[in-house]
Amino acid sequence: EPTKRSHHFNFRGQEDCDRTLPLNFTVNCTSACIVDMSTIPGLSYEHVIEVAPGFYNIRGVFKFKGIIDIGTHMSLVKLKNGNFLVLDAAPLEDKAKEEFDALTDNGSKVEACLNTHPFHTLAIPDFHAAYPKIPLYGCPRHIRTLNNIAWAGAVNDCKLMSRWEPEIEMRIPAGSEFNNPKPEKTNHFSSVFVFHKESRTIHVDDTIMVVQNPGFFLKTFGKMKTDTMTFHPSIKDVGLYPTPEAPLQFRDWVQAIILDWDFDNICGAHLGNKIGGAKEQLQDCLSKATKSLEKLSKKNEKKNPSEDNGEEGKVALNIKGCECG
């Protein structure tokens, strides 16, 4: 739709700002009026990415080993009642926070923030400080380690996972440890998959790695290619339970996702999003991994069952050093 520039559009008494508006869109208000930016057609953002109608993604900075920026993310889902769900917390720079506030009316339209990955932890305290009234739900590890936060509950609670159905569906990968993944430094495999039906979009963290534009270092030394999709490297060792069943359970679980969910987009925590064609790319990713998963299953048949890395009860509260977002 054709657009024109507007230089006299004032939000909540802030200085006049420049926004892109449709030609047929007019506003008559004073600096004190409240404008619901999420309902304005054609409004453009710099940091908030509209993946599809009703689904927004914000990319953040996370430097692996403190050097290589592999990125992190958070998403916002607009519900049919006009409110939002926030998926994960990411560091918000000033401009990104302004856009988040404009979209959610300073957070007042957010029903909950669901933190979906056990090791995506670093931005949670700042998000909670900025929006203390937003109910926070975390992975069991979040609740154990960030025990100074008044958590609303666990994200893997069955009632919570079905609370926003049929608009939102959530699943946790089979064959992997979600509650207490070990060893903490390397087993960052499992996370909650969140599917928004209307936008045909899946939000996922480390389980699936969506690679869009890897930098020179990742291309050269990480052997990563542009516009590819793969599973987290720990799938080869500690990511799945060391049982014959686990690799096959995960394979079948992913195939069920592909069959059950009508998705076209995947927002991944690190290295980018796949907008359009995500289902086909995930099917290709699974097909390429199937032989390795079957080989791992046979290898696990020869293992001693006592080598289980999903050991419960020994919780290491090492919040520093193991986080990945």
C-alpha atoms as a PDB file:
ATOM      1  CA  GLU A   1       0.000   0.000   0.000  1.00  0.00           C
ATOM      2  CA  PRO A   2       1.338   3.493  -0.875  1.00  0.00           C
ATOM      3  CA  THR A   3       2.699   5.354   2.106  1.00  0.00           C
ATOM      4  CA  LYS A   4       3.635   8.894   3.061  1.00  0.00           C
ATOM      5  CA  ARG A   5       5.721  10.318   5.884  1.00  0.00           C
ATOM      6  CA  SER A   6       4.092  11.932   8.889  1.00  0.00           C
ATOM      7  CA  HIS A   7       6.156  14.360  10.981  1.00  0.00           C
ATOM      8  CA  HIS A   8       3.524  15.454  13.504  1.00  0.00           C
ATOM      9  CA  PHE A   9       2.526  12.228  15.191  1.00  0.00           C
ATOM     10  CA  ASN A  10       2.829  12.422  18.969  1.00  0.00           C
ATOM     11  CA  PHE A  11       2.735   9.391  21.295  1.00  0.00           C
ATOM     12  CA  ARG A  12       1.988   9.943  24.999  1.00  0.00           C
ATOM     13  CA  GLY A  13       3.509  13.418  25.059  1.00  0.00           C
ATOM     14  CA  GLN A  14       6.822  12.368  23.525  1.00  0.00           C
ATOM     15  CA  GLU A  15       8.545  14.507  20.919  1.00  0.00           C
ATOM     16  CA  ASP A  16       7.024  14.402  17.442  1.00  0.00           C
ATOM     17  CA  CYS A  17       8.247  11.290  15.678  1.00  0.00           C
ATOM     18  CA  ASP A  18       8.495  10.226  12.075  1.00  0.00           C
ATOM     19  CA  ARG A  19       6.417   7.160  11.147  1.00  0.00           C
ATOM     20  CA  THR A  20       5.371   5.547   7.884  1.00  0.00           C
ATOM     21  CA  LEU A  21       1.585   5.617   7.497  1.00  0.00           C
ATOM     22  CA  PRO A  22      -0.827   4.591   4.717  1.00  0.00           C
ATOM     23  CA  LEU A  23      -2.082   7.456   2.592  1.00  0.00           C
ATOM     24  CA  ASN A  24      -5.649   6.898   3.750  1.00  0.00           C
ATOM     25  CA  PHE A  25      -4.736   6.880   7.448  1.00  0.00           C
ATOM     26  CA  THR A  26      -5.393  10.061   9.420  1.00  0.00           C
ATOM     27  CA  VAL A  27      -5.106  10.833  13.106  1.00  0.00           C
ATOM     28  CA  ASN A  28      -6.593  13.713  15.051  1.00  0.00           C
ATOM     29  CA  CYS A  29      -5.293  13.733  18.592  1.00  0.00           C
ATOM     30  CA  THR A  30      -3.345  15.764  21.077  1.00  0.00           C
ATOM     31  CA  SER A  31      -0.058  14.817  22.691  1.00  0.00           C
ATOM     32  CA  ALA A  32      -2.013  13.341  25.592  1.00  0.00           C
ATOM     33  CA  CYS A  33      -3.952  10.794  23.545  1.00  0.00           C
ATOM     34  CA  ILE A  34      -3.162   7.092  23.573  1.00  0.00           C
ATOM     35  CA  VAL A  35      -2.486   5.454  20.208  1.00  0.00           C
ATOM     36  CA  ASP A  36      -2.569   1.664  19.934  1.00  0.00           C
ATOM     37  CA  MET A  37       0.410   1.159  17.629  1.00  0.00           C
ATOM     38  CA  SER A  38      -0.329  -2.536  17.224  1.00  0.00           C
ATOM     39  CA  THR A  39      -3.519  -1.687  15.303  1.00  0.00           C
ATOM     40  CA  ILE A  40      -1.976   0.861  12.909  1.00  0.00           C
ATOM     41  CA  PRO A  41      -1.657  -0.653   9.415  1.00  0.00           C
ATOM     42  CA  GLY A  42       1.682  -0.104   7.724  1.00  0.00           C
ATOM     43  CA  LEU A  43       3.479   1.175  10.827  1.00  0.00           C
ATOM     44  CA  SER A  44       7.140   0.302  10.571  1.00  0.00           C
ATOM     45  CA  TYR A  45       9.554  -0.641  13.336  1.00  0.00           C
ATOM     46  CA  GLU A  46      13.319  -0.812  13.344  1.00  0.00           C
ATOM     47  CA  HIS A  47      13.823  -3.514  15.990  1.00  0.00           C
ATOM     48  CA  VAL A  48      10.476  -5.308  16.175  1.00  0.00           C
ATOM     49  CA  ILE A  49      10.194  -7.684  13.215  1.00  0.00           C
ATOM     50  CA  GLU A  50       6.680  -8.566  12.082  1.00  0.00           C
ATOM     51  CA  VAL A  51       7.250 -12.156  11.010  1.00  0.00           C
ATOM     52  CA  ALA A  52       3.586 -12.579  10.067  1.00  0.00           C
ATOM     53  CA  PRO A  53       0.355 -10.863  11.144  1.00  0.00           C
ATOM     54  CA  GLY A  54       0.120 -11.199  14.929  1.00  0.00           C
ATOM     55  CA  PHE A  55       3.650 -12.497  15.482  1.00  0.00           C
ATOM     56  CA  TYR A  56       6.642 -10.264  16.247  1.00  0.00           C
ATOM     57  CA  ASN A  57      10.295 -11.089  16.896  1.00  0.00           C
ATOM     58  CA  ILE A  58      13.044  -9.002  18.487  1.00  0.00           C
ATOM     59  CA  ARG A  59      16.692  -9.901  17.939  1.00  0.00           C
ATOM     60  CA  GLY A  60      19.176  -9.296  20.742  1.00  0.00           C
ATOM     61  CA  VAL A  61      22.915  -9.538  21.258  1.00  0.00           C
ATOM     62  CA  PHE A  62      24.576 -12.569  22.823  1.00  0.00           C
ATOM     63  CA  LYS A  63      28.307 -13.077  22.385  1.00  0.00           C
ATOM     64  CA  PHE A  64      29.516 -16.658  22.500  1.00  0.00           C
ATOM     65  CA  LYS A  65      32.643 -16.827  24.667  1.00  0.00           C
ATOM     66  CA  GLY A  66      32.246 -13.074  24.960  1.00  0.00           C
ATOM     67  CA  ILE A  67      33.532 -12.629  21.393  1.00  0.00           C
ATOM     68  CA  ILE A  68      31.258 -13.940  18.619  1.00  0.00           C
ATOM     69  CA  ASP A  69      27.766 -12.458  18.462  1.00  0.00           C
ATOM     70  CA  ILE A  70      25.443 -15.377  17.715  1.00  0.00           C
ATOM     71  CA  GLY A  71      22.419 -13.391  18.850  1.00  0.00           C
ATOM     72  CA  THR A  72      19.417 -14.193  20.990  1.00  0.00           C
ATOM     73  CA  HIS A  73      15.730 -13.349  20.702  1.00  0.00           C
ATOM     74  CA  MET A  74      12.288 -12.861  22.154  1.00  0.00           C
ATOM     75  CA  SER A  75       8.896 -12.970  20.476  1.00  0.00           C
ATOM     76  CA  LEU A  76       5.507 -11.369  20.991  1.00  0.00           C
ATOM     77  CA  VAL A  77       2.274 -13.074  20.003  1.00  0.00           C
ATOM     78  CA  LYS A  78      -0.869 -10.999  19.644  1.00  0.00           C
ATOM     79  CA  LEU A  79      -3.862 -12.931  20.935  1.00  0.00           C
ATOM     80  CA  LYS A  80      -7.377 -12.603  19.577  1.00  0.00           C
ATOM     81  CA  ASN A  81      -8.403 -10.690  22.711  1.00  0.00           C
ATOM     82  CA  GLY A  82      -5.876  -7.960  21.824  1.00  0.00           C
ATOM     83  CA  ASN A  83      -3.377  -8.882  24.529  1.00  0.00           C
ATOM     84  CA  PHE A  84       0.097 -10.332  24.036  1.00  0.00           C
ATOM     85  CA  LEU A  85       2.211 -13.268  25.120  1.00  0.00           C
ATOM     86  CA  VAL A  86       5.948 -12.680  25.408  1.00  0.00           C
ATOM     87  CA  LEU A  87       8.125 -15.674  24.585  1.00  0.00           C
ATOM     88  CA  ASP A  88      11.521 -15.488  26.298  1.00  0.00           C
ATOM     89  CA  ALA A  89      13.300 -12.380  27.553  1.00  0.00           C
ATOM     90  CA  ALA A  90      16.078 -10.746  25.579  1.00  0.00           C
ATOM     91  CA  PRO A  91      18.168  -7.650  26.290  1.00  0.00           C
ATOM     92  CA  LEU A  92      16.260  -4.594  25.066  1.00  0.00           C
ATOM     93  CA  GLU A  93      18.236  -1.585  23.919  1.00  0.00           C
ATOM     94  CA  ASP A  94      16.552   1.795  24.322  1.00  0.00           C
ATOM     95  CA  LYS A  95      14.976   1.917  20.868  1.00  0.00           C
ATOM     96  CA  ALA A  96      13.855  -1.708  21.028  1.00  0.00           C
ATOM     97  CA  LYS A  97      12.274  -1.072  24.423  1.00  0.00           C
ATOM     98  CA  GLU A  98      10.443   1.985  23.053  1.00  0.00           C
ATOM     99  CA  GLU A  99       8.967  -0.152  20.297  1.00  0.00           C
ATOM    100  CA  PHE A 100       8.079  -2.940  22.724  1.00  0.00           C
ATOM    101  CA  ASP A 101       6.356  -0.400  24.979  1.00  0.00           C
ATOM    102  CA  ALA A 102       4.452   1.141  22.088  1.00  0.00           C
ATOM    103  CA  LEU A 103       3.267  -2.250  20.872  1.00  0.00           C
ATOM    104  CA  THR A 104       2.188  -3.492  24.324  1.00  0.00           C
ATOM    105  CA  ASP A 105       1.108  -0.201  25.954  1.00  0.00           C
ATOM    106  CA  ASN A 106       4.138  -0.220  28.249  1.00  0.00           C
ATOM    107  CA  GLY A 107       3.634  -3.897  28.985  1.00  0.00           C
ATOM    108  CA  SER A 108       0.062  -3.502  30.276  1.00  0.00           C
ATOM    109  CA  LYS A 109      -1.289  -5.658  27.438  1.00  0.00           C
ATOM    110  CA  VAL A 110       1.060  -8.564  28.145  1.00  0.00           C
ATOM    111  CA  GLU A 111      -0.686 -11.517  29.803  1.00  0.00           C
ATOM    112  CA  ALA A 112       2.502 -13.430  30.576  1.00  0.00           C
ATOM    113  CA  CYS A 113       6.149 -13.930  29.707  1.00  0.00           C
ATOM    114  CA  LEU A 114       6.997 -17.575  29.017  1.00  0.00           C
ATOM    115  CA  ASN A 115      10.697 -18.403  29.283  1.00  0.00           C
ATOM    116  CA  THR A 116      11.156 -21.500  27.203  1.00  0.00           C
ATOM    117  CA  HIS A 117      14.824 -22.523  27.474  1.00  0.00           C
ATOM    118  CA  PRO A 118      16.564 -23.589  30.708  1.00  0.00           C
ATOM    119  CA  PHE A 119      19.775 -21.702  29.882  1.00  0.00           C
ATOM    120  CA  HIS A 120      18.310 -18.519  28.399  1.00  0.00           C
ATOM    121  CA  THR A 121      18.496 -16.682  31.684  1.00  0.00           C
ATOM    122  CA  LEU A 122      20.636 -13.561  31.500  1.00  0.00           C
ATOM    123  CA  ALA A 123      17.938 -11.074  30.411  1.00  0.00           C
ATOM    124  CA  ILE A 124      15.216 -12.274  32.785  1.00  0.00           C
ATOM    125  CA  PRO A 125      16.148 -10.148  35.831  1.00  0.00           C
ATOM    126  CA  ASP A 126      16.256  -6.915  33.794  1.00  0.00           C
ATOM    127  CA  PHE A 127      12.982  -7.730  32.043  1.00  0.00           C
ATOM    128  CA  HIS A 128      11.330  -8.437  35.387  1.00  0.00           C
ATOM    129  CA  ALA A 129      12.674  -5.185  36.824  1.00  0.00           C
ATOM    130  CA  ALA A 130      11.330  -3.215  33.862  1.00  0.00           C
ATOM    131  CA  TYR A 131       7.921  -4.955  33.867  1.00  0.00           C
ATOM    132  CA  PRO A 132       7.294  -6.251  37.412  1.00  0.00           C
ATOM    133  CA  LYS A 133       3.549  -6.685  36.837  1.00  0.00           C
ATOM    134  CA  ILE A 134       3.964  -9.144  33.948  1.00  0.00           C
ATOM    135  CA  PRO A 135       3.595 -12.726  35.278  1.00  0.00           C
ATOM    136  CA  LEU A 136       6.795 -14.673  34.662  1.00  0.00           C
ATOM    137  CA  TYR A 137       6.814 -18.388  33.917  1.00  0.00           C
ATOM    138  CA  GLY A 138      10.117 -20.217  33.791  1.00  0.00           C
ATOM    139  CA  CYS A 139      11.722 -23.568  33.173  1.00  0.00           C
ATOM    140  CA  PRO A 140      12.401 -25.580  36.346  1.00  0.00           C
ATOM    141  CA  ARG A 141      16.055 -24.498  36.186  1.00  0.00           C
ATOM    142  CA  HIS A 142      15.038 -20.824  36.044  1.00  0.00           C
ATOM    143  CA  ILE A 143      12.932 -21.235  39.149  1.00  0.00           C
ATOM    144  CA  ARG A 144      15.752 -23.003  41.002  1.00  0.00           C
ATOM    145  CA  THR A 145      18.500 -20.580  40.067  1.00  0.00           C
ATOM    146  CA  LEU A 146      16.703 -17.219  39.966  1.00  0.00           C
ATOM    147  CA  ASN A 147      15.024 -17.773  43.306  1.00  0.00           C
ATOM    148  CA  ASN A 148      14.768 -14.055  44.083  1.00  0.00           C
ATOM    149  CA  ILE A 149      11.982 -13.716  41.495  1.00  0.00           C
ATOM    150  CA  ALA A 150       8.358 -14.379  42.430  1.00  0.00           C
ATOM    151  CA  TRP A 151       7.654 -16.814  39.604  1.00  0.00           C
ATOM    152  CA  ALA A 152       4.036 -17.302  38.530  1.00  0.00           C
ATOM    153  CA  GLY A 153       4.742 -20.947  37.770  1.00  0.00           C
ATOM    154  CA  ALA A 154       6.610 -23.441  35.598  1.00  0.00           C
ATOM    155  CA  VAL A 155       6.335 -23.202  31.835  1.00  0.00           C
ATOM    156  CA  ASN A 156       6.095 -27.000  31.535  1.00  0.00           C
ATOM    157  CA  ASP A 157       3.014 -27.210  33.772  1.00  0.00           C
ATOM    158  CA  CYS A 158       0.320 -29.068  31.819  1.00  0.00           C
ATOM    159  CA  LYS A 159      -2.407 -26.531  32.623  1.00  0.00           C
ATOM    160  CA  LEU A 160      -0.231 -23.637  31.502  1.00  0.00           C
ATOM    161  CA  MET A 161       0.801 -25.380  28.286  1.00  0.00           C
ATOM    162  CA  SER A 162      -2.848 -25.730  27.286  1.00  0.00           C
ATOM    163  CA  ARG A 163      -4.027 -22.367  28.671  1.00  0.00           C
ATOM    164  CA  TRP A 164      -4.002 -20.484  25.353  1.00  0.00           C
ATOM    165  CA  GLU A 165      -5.191 -23.305  23.116  1.00  0.00           C
ATOM    166  CA  PRO A 166      -6.296 -23.433  20.356  1.00  0.00           C
ATOM    167  CA  GLU A 167      -4.471 -20.187  19.465  1.00  0.00           C
ATOM    168  CA  ILE A 168      -1.185 -21.359  20.968  1.00  0.00           C
ATOM    169  CA  GLU A 169       0.169 -24.906  21.200  1.00  0.00           C
ATOM    170  CA  MET A 170       3.270 -25.898  23.158  1.00  0.00           C
ATOM    171  CA  ARG A 171       5.314 -29.091  23.164  1.00  0.00           C
ATOM    172  CA  ILE A 172       8.599 -30.279  24.702  1.00  0.00           C
ATOM    173  CA  PRO A 173      10.871 -32.618  22.700  1.00  0.00           C
ATOM    174  CA  ALA A 174      10.721 -36.309  23.461  1.00  0.00           C
ATOM    175  CA  GLY A 175      13.923 -38.177  24.284  1.00  0.00           C
ATOM    176  CA  SER A 176      15.633 -35.244  26.024  1.00  0.00           C
ATOM    177  CA  GLU A 177      15.963 -33.873  29.562  1.00  0.00           C
ATOM    178  CA  PHE A 178      14.123 -30.586  30.151  1.00  0.00           C
ATOM    179  CA  ASN A 179      13.905 -30.330  33.928  1.00  0.00           C
ATOM    180  CA  ASN A 180      17.561 -30.754  34.886  1.00  0.00           C
ATOM    181  CA  PRO A 181      19.787 -31.082  31.804  1.00  0.00           C
ATOM    182  CA  LYS A 182      23.348 -32.243  32.453  1.00  0.00           C
ATOM    183  CA  PRO A 183      26.122 -31.413  31.956  1.00  0.00           C
ATOM    184  CA  GLU A 184      25.136 -27.782  32.133  1.00  0.00           C
ATOM    185  CA  LYS A 185      27.962 -26.479  29.970  1.00  0.00           C
ATOM    186  CA  THR A 186      26.988 -28.482  26.897  1.00  0.00           C
ATOM    187  CA  ASN A 187      23.472 -29.912  27.197  1.00  0.00           C
ATOM    188  CA  HIS A 188      21.424 -26.949  25.951  1.00  0.00           C
ATOM    189  CA  PHE A 189      19.314 -29.114  23.667  1.00  0.00           C
ATOM    190  CA  SER A 190      15.771 -29.114  25.021  1.00  0.00           C
ATOM    191  CA  SER A 191      13.333 -26.195  24.957  1.00  0.00           C
ATOM    192  CA  VAL A 192       9.604 -25.563  24.654  1.00  0.00           C
ATOM    193  CA  PHE A 193       8.334 -25.255  21.093  1.00  0.00           C
ATOM    194  CA  VAL A 194       5.566 -22.633  20.867  1.00  0.00           C
ATOM    195  CA  PHE A 195       3.288 -22.622  17.816  1.00  0.00           C
ATOM    196  CA  HIS A 196       0.998 -19.712  16.918  1.00  0.00           C
ATOM    197  CA  LYS A 197      -1.633 -21.029  14.522  1.00  0.00           C
ATOM    198  CA  GLU A 198      -2.829 -17.760  12.996  1.00  0.00           C
ATOM    199  CA  SER A 199       0.642 -16.597  11.930  1.00  0.00           C
ATOM    200  CA  ARG A 200       1.819 -20.156  11.150  1.00  0.00           C
ATOM    201  CA  THR A 201       4.946 -19.486  13.203  1.00  0.00           C
ATOM    202  CA  ILE A 202       7.011 -21.580  15.635  1.00  0.00           C
ATOM    203  CA  HIS A 203       9.176 -19.962  18.310  1.00  0.00           C
ATOM    204  CA  VAL A 204      12.056 -22.202  19.397  1.00  0.00           C
ATOM    205  CA  ASP A 205      15.400 -21.766  21.072  1.00  0.00           C
ATOM    206  CA  ASP A 206      18.474 -23.994  20.791  1.00  0.00           C
ATOM    207  CA  THR A 207      16.908 -27.307  19.745  1.00  0.00           C
ATOM    208  CA  ILE A 208      16.722 -26.080  16.162  1.00  0.00           C
ATOM    209  CA  MET A 209      19.452 -23.814  14.834  1.00  0.00           C
ATOM    210  CA  VAL A 210      18.237 -21.523  12.056  1.00  0.00           C
ATOM    211  CA  VAL A 211      21.249 -20.089  10.236  1.00  0.00           C
ATOM    212  CA  GLN A 212      20.560 -17.072   8.031  1.00  0.00           C
ATOM    213  CA  ASN A 213      23.652 -14.878   7.817  1.00  0.00           C
ATOM    214  CA  PRO A 214      26.626 -16.405   9.651  1.00  0.00           C
ATOM    215  CA  GLY A 215      29.635 -14.144   9.876  1.00  0.00           C
ATOM    216  CA  PHE A 216      33.096 -14.887   8.568  1.00  0.00           C
ATOM    217  CA  PHE A 217      34.224 -16.759  11.695  1.00  0.00           C
ATOM    218  CA  LEU A 218      31.168 -19.050  11.783  1.00  0.00           C
ATOM    219  CA  LYS A 219      31.387 -19.717   8.059  1.00  0.00           C
ATOM    220  CA  THR A 220      35.101 -20.435   8.154  1.00  0.00           C
ATOM    221  CA  PHE A 221      35.530 -22.292  11.433  1.00  0.00           C
ATOM    222  CA  GLY A 222      31.967 -23.360  12.232  1.00  0.00           C
ATOM    223  CA  LYS A 223      31.331 -24.594   8.674  1.00  0.00           C
ATOM    224  CA  MET A 224      27.931 -22.852   8.746  1.00  0.00           C
ATOM    225  CA  LYS A 225      26.153 -22.008   5.508  1.00  0.00           C
ATOM    226  CA  THR A 226      23.626 -19.292   4.741  1.00  0.00           C
ATOM    227  CA  ASP A 227      19.924 -20.226   4.882  1.00  0.00           C
ATOM    228  CA  THR A 228      20.334 -23.614   6.522  1.00  0.00           C
ATOM    229  CA  MET A 229      18.736 -25.429   9.440  1.00  0.00           C
ATOM    230  CA  THR A 230      20.234 -28.005  11.779  1.00  0.00           C
ATOM    231  CA  PHE A 231      19.768 -29.431  15.249  1.00  0.00           C
ATOM    232  CA  HIS A 232      21.837 -28.327  18.228  1.00  0.00           C
ATOM    233  CA  PRO A 233      25.279 -30.032  18.163  1.00  0.00           C
ATOM    234  CA  SER A 234      24.588 -31.788  21.483  1.00  0.00           C
ATOM    235  CA  ILE A 235      22.160 -34.074  19.623  1.00  0.00           C
ATOM    236  CA  LYS A 236      25.232 -36.194  18.873  1.00  0.00           C
ATOM    237  CA  ASP A 237      26.056 -36.885  22.517  1.00  0.00           C
ATOM    238  CA  VAL A 238      24.528 -35.418  25.698  1.00  0.00           C
ATOM    239  CA  GLY A 239      21.431 -33.755  24.205  1.00  0.00           C
ATOM    240  CA  LEU A 240      19.398 -36.962  24.143  1.00  0.00           C
ATOM    241  CA  TYR A 241      19.071 -39.615  26.826  1.00  0.00           C
ATOM    242  CA  PRO A 242      21.707 -42.346  26.356  1.00  0.00           C
ATOM    243  CA  THR A 243      19.089 -45.007  25.665  1.00  0.00           C
ATOM    244  CA  PRO A 244      18.280 -46.895  22.452  1.00  0.00           C
ATOM    245  CA  GLU A 245      14.796 -45.365  22.456  1.00  0.00           C
ATOM    246  CA  ALA A 246      15.666 -41.669  22.875  1.00  0.00           C
ATOM    247  CA  PRO A 247      17.074 -40.858  19.396  1.00  0.00           C
ATOM    248  CA  LEU A 248      14.113 -42.577  17.739  1.00  0.00           C
ATOM    249  CA  GLN A 249      11.661 -40.869  20.081  1.00  0.00           C
ATOM    250  CA  PHE A 250      13.073 -37.478  19.128  1.00  0.00           C
ATOM    251  CA  ARG A 251      12.974 -38.349  15.418  1.00  0.00           C
ATOM    252  CA  ASP A 252       9.314 -39.346  15.674  1.00  0.00           C
ATOM    253  CA  TRP A 253       8.502 -36.296  17.808  1.00  0.00           C
ATOM    254  CA  VAL A 254       9.875 -33.890  15.183  1.00  0.00           C
ATOM    255  CA  GLN A 255       8.029 -35.733  12.439  1.00  0.00           C
ATOM    256  CA  ALA A 256       4.806 -35.355  14.432  1.00  0.00           C
ATOM    257  CA  ILE A 257       5.431 -31.594  14.703  1.00  0.00           C
ATOM    258  CA  ILE A 258       5.805 -31.415  10.923  1.00  0.00           C
ATOM    259  CA  LEU A 259       2.584 -33.354  10.388  1.00  0.00           C
ATOM    260  CA  ASP A 260       0.461 -31.765  13.120  1.00  0.00           C
ATOM    261  CA  TRP A 261       1.371 -28.083  12.835  1.00  0.00           C
ATOM    262  CA  ASP A 262       0.654 -26.013   9.748  1.00  0.00           C
ATOM    263  CA  PHE A 263       3.668 -23.707  10.018  1.00  0.00           C
ATOM    264  CA  ASP A 264       5.611 -21.702   7.485  1.00  0.00           C
ATOM    265  CA  ASN A 265       8.003 -19.733   9.752  1.00  0.00           C
ATOM    266  CA  ILE A 266      10.459 -20.644  12.503  1.00  0.00           C
ATOM    267  CA  CYS A 267      12.025 -18.046  14.801  1.00  0.00           C
ATOM    268  CA  GLY A 268      15.268 -19.445  16.216  1.00  0.00           C
ATOM    269  CA  ALA A 269      17.192 -18.043  19.144  1.00  0.00           C
ATOM    270  CA  HIS A 270      20.611 -17.826  17.543  1.00  0.00           C
ATOM    271  CA  LEU A 271      21.651 -16.807  14.043  1.00  0.00           C
ATOM    272  CA  GLY A 272      18.262 -15.916  12.568  1.00  0.00           C
ATOM    273  CA  ASN A 273      14.727 -16.722  11.498  1.00  0.00           C
ATOM    274  CA  LYS A 274      13.345 -18.753   8.628  1.00  0.00           C
ATOM    275  CA  ILE A 275      10.430 -16.776   7.223  1.00  0.00           C
ATOM    276  CA  GLY A 276       8.614 -18.802   4.598  1.00  0.00           C
ATOM    277  CA  GLY A 277       9.436 -22.404   3.707  1.00  0.00           C
ATOM    278  CA  ALA A 278      10.283 -23.435   7.276  1.00  0.00           C
ATOM    279  CA  LYS A 279       8.293 -26.675   7.214  1.00  0.00           C
ATOM    280  CA  GLU A 280      10.087 -27.934   4.125  1.00  0.00           C
ATOM    281  CA  GLN A 281      13.464 -26.952   5.558  1.00  0.00           C
ATOM    282  CA  LEU A 282      12.777 -28.702   8.875  1.00  0.00           C
ATOM    283  CA  GLN A 283      11.695 -31.850   7.002  1.00  0.00           C
ATOM    284  CA  ASP A 284      14.957 -31.752   5.068  1.00  0.00           C
ATOM    285  CA  CYS A 285      16.895 -31.199   8.306  1.00  0.00           C
ATOM    286  CA  LEU A 286      15.219 -34.227   9.914  1.00  0.00           C
ATOM    287  CA  SER A 287      15.794 -36.392   6.840  1.00  0.00           C
ATOM    288  CA  LYS A 288      19.510 -35.597   6.922  1.00  0.00           C
ATOM    289  CA  ALA A 289      19.701 -36.345  10.666  1.00  0.00           C
ATOM    290  CA  THR A 290      17.711 -39.602  10.593  1.00  0.00           C
ATOM    291  CA  LYS A 291      20.629 -41.862   9.721  1.00  0.00           C
ATOM    292  CA  SER A 292      22.743 -40.401  12.544  1.00  0.00           C
ATOM    293  CA  LEU A 293      19.865 -40.774  15.018  1.00  0.00           C
ATOM    294  CA  GLU A 294      19.396 -44.420  14.068  1.00  0.00           C
ATOM    295  CA  LYS A 295      23.140 -45.000  14.380  1.00  0.00           C
ATOM    296  CA  LEU A 296      23.110 -43.344  17.819  1.00  0.00           C
ATOM    297  CA  SER A 297      20.246 -45.592  18.882  1.00  0.00           C
ATOM    298  CA  LYS A 298      22.259 -48.694  18.014  1.00  0.00           C
ATOM    299  CA  LYS A 299      25.314 -47.259  19.772  1.00  0.00           C
ATOM    300  CA  ASN A 300      23.269 -46.690  22.925  1.00  0.00           C
ATOM    301  CA  GLU A 301      22.217 -50.335  22.950  1.00  0.00           C
ATOM    302  CA  LYS A 302      25.796 -51.186  23.857  1.00  0.00           C
ATOM    303  CA  LYS A 303      26.010 -48.630  26.662  1.00  0.00           C
ATOM    304  CA  ASN A 304      25.671 -49.289  30.329  1.00  0.00           C
ATOM    305  CA  PRO A 305      22.270 -47.855  31.427  1.00  0.00           C
ATOM    306  CA  SER A 306      23.997 -46.256  34.446  1.00  0.00           C
ATOM    307  CA  GLU A 307      25.571 -43.695  32.102  1.00  0.00           C
ATOM    308  CA  ASP A 308      22.335 -41.678  32.120  1.00  0.00           C
ATOM    309  CA  ASN A 309      23.042 -37.946  31.831  1.00  0.00           C
ATOM    310  CA  GLY A 310      19.507 -37.006  32.895  1.00  0.00           C
ATOM    311  CA  GLU A 311      20.418 -37.527  36.544  1.00  0.00           C
ATOM    312  CA  GLU A 312      17.981 -35.884  38.961  1.00  0.00           C
ATOM    313  CA  GLY A 313      18.667 -34.460  42.376  1.00  0.00           C
ATOM    314  CA  LYS A 314      22.138 -33.020  41.835  1.00  0.00           C
ATOM    315  CA  VAL A 315      21.283 -29.436  40.967  1.00  0.00           C
ATOM    316  CA  ALA A 316      24.286 -27.207  40.265  1.00  0.00           C
ATOM    317  CA  LEU A 317      23.274 -23.591  40.740  1.00  0.00           C
ATOM    318  CA  ASN A 318      26.072 -22.284  38.536  1.00  0.00           C
ATOM    319  CA  ILE A 319      24.161 -19.410  37.005  1.00  0.00           C
ATOM    320  CA  LYS A 320      27.420 -17.896  35.672  1.00  0.00           C
ATOM    321  CA  GLY A 321      29.258 -19.464  32.809  1.00  0.00           C
ATOM    322  CA  CYS A 322      26.673 -21.846  31.411  1.00  0.00           C
ATOM    323  CA  GLU A 323      24.053 -19.434  30.091  1.00  0.00           C
ATOM    324  CA  CYS A 324      23.494 -19.114  26.350  1.00  0.00           C
ATOM    325  CA  GLY A 325      21.069 -16.233  26.146  1.00  0.00           C
END
